[in-house]
Protein backbone atom coordinates (compact mmCIF):
# COMPACT_ATOMS: atom_id res chain seq x y z
CA MET A 1 1.17 10.48 6.63
CA ASN A 2 3.25 12.31 4.07
CA SER A 3 2.06 11.21 0.63
CA ALA A 4 5.44 12.14 -0.90
CA GLN A 5 7.07 9.66 1.47
CA LYS A 6 8.19 6.32 0.12
CA TYR A 7 7.39 3.14 1.99
CA GLN A 8 8.49 -0.46 1.78
CA LEU A 9 7.27 -3.73 3.18
CA ASN A 10 8.54 -4.60 6.62
CA GLU A 11 11.33 -7.18 6.31
CA GLU A 12 9.24 -9.69 8.27
CA ILE A 13 6.37 -9.63 5.77
CA SER A 14 5.38 -12.49 3.55
CA LEU A 15 3.47 -11.42 0.46
CA THR A 16 1.08 -13.76 -1.34
CA GLU A 17 -0.84 -12.90 -4.49
CA VAL A 18 -4.24 -14.50 -4.98
CA ASP A 19 -5.86 -13.54 -8.29
CA GLU A 20 -5.57 -9.73 -8.31
CA GLU A 21 -5.48 -9.45 -4.54
CA LEU A 22 -2.62 -9.54 -2.04
CA VAL A 23 -2.32 -10.98 1.44
CA LEU A 24 0.37 -9.48 3.67
CA LEU A 25 1.45 -11.61 6.63
CA ASN A 26 3.75 -10.38 9.40
CA LEU A 27 5.71 -13.52 10.24
CA ALA A 28 6.78 -12.13 13.62
CA THR A 29 3.34 -11.16 14.92
CA GLY A 30 0.98 -13.28 12.85
CA ALA A 31 -0.94 -10.16 11.80
CA TYR A 32 -2.26 -10.32 8.26
CA TYR A 33 -4.00 -7.93 5.94
CA GLY A 34 -5.91 -8.63 2.74
CA LEU A 35 -5.82 -6.08 -0.06
CA ASN A 36 -8.14 -5.81 -3.03
CA HIS A 37 -6.82 -5.13 -6.54
CA VAL A 38 -6.46 -1.39 -5.89
CA GLY A 39 -4.52 -1.94 -2.68
CA ALA A 40 -2.40 -4.49 -4.51
CA ARG A 41 -1.57 -1.85 -7.15
CA VAL A 42 -0.43 0.50 -4.39
CA ILE A 43 1.87 -2.11 -2.84
CA LYS A 44 3.33 -3.05 -6.22
CA ALA A 45 3.96 0.64 -6.97
CA LEU A 46 5.73 1.02 -3.62
CA GLN A 47 7.83 -2.06 -4.37
CA ASP A 48 8.82 -0.38 -7.65
CA GLY A 49 10.11 2.60 -5.67
CA GLN A 50 7.23 4.99 -6.28
CA SER A 51 5.93 7.37 -3.65
CA VAL A 52 2.42 7.11 -2.29
CA GLN A 53 1.53 10.30 -4.19
CA GLU A 54 2.65 8.79 -7.51
CA SER A 55 0.51 5.75 -6.79
CA ILE A 56 -2.50 7.93 -5.92
CA GLN A 57 -2.19 9.84 -9.18
CA GLN A 58 -1.92 6.66 -11.24
CA ILE A 59 -4.94 5.04 -9.59
CA SER A 60 -7.00 8.21 -9.95
CA ALA A 61 -6.18 8.41 -13.66
CA HIS A 62 -6.59 4.68 -14.34
CA TYR A 63 -10.01 4.38 -12.68
CA GLN A 64 -11.08 7.95 -13.52
CA LEU A 65 -11.78 8.74 -9.87
CA ASP A 66 -11.61 12.06 -8.05
CA LEU A 67 -8.04 12.62 -6.89
CA HIS A 68 -9.16 13.84 -3.44
CA VAL A 69 -11.23 10.71 -2.81
CA VAL A 70 -8.41 8.40 -3.90
CA ASN A 71 -5.95 10.41 -1.80
CA ALA A 72 -8.10 10.06 1.35
CA ASP A 73 -8.67 6.32 0.80
CA ILE A 74 -5.01 5.52 0.10
CA GLU A 75 -3.76 7.63 3.00
CA GLU A 76 -6.11 5.74 5.32
CA LEU A 77 -4.83 2.43 3.95
CA MET A 78 -1.20 3.48 4.39
CA ASP A 79 -1.86 4.56 7.97
CA GLN A 80 -3.43 1.18 8.74
CA LEU A 81 -0.54 -0.74 7.17
CA VAL A 82 2.03 1.33 9.08
CA GLN A 83 0.12 0.87 12.35
CA GLN A 84 0.05 -2.90 11.77
CA LYS A 85 3.81 -2.73 11.10
CA LEU A 86 3.32 -4.18 7.64
CA LEU A 87 4.88 -1.11 5.98
CA VAL A 88 7.80 1.00 7.13
CA GLU A 89 9.13 4.31 5.86
CA ARG A 90 11.93 3.93 3.37
CA VAL A 91 15.14 5.58 4.56
């Protein structure tokens, strides 16, 4: 995954917010994915047009976490969401 890349939700995704968490549902496949408040922040940042890297930097600063740890965790999450076809690269 290229952290400078921008992603967007797949067009077939339904997004539901529950408290500070998000549930992503692929209407075509039935696959769903629950995200905690940090994952929800990432998705909202992507929806606002930010790159993954911008999101990583903001989360690292907000929670005062090591940038390398946040980077590894968010990259893993992005890979999972792309594999599940919940996110697609923005063209």
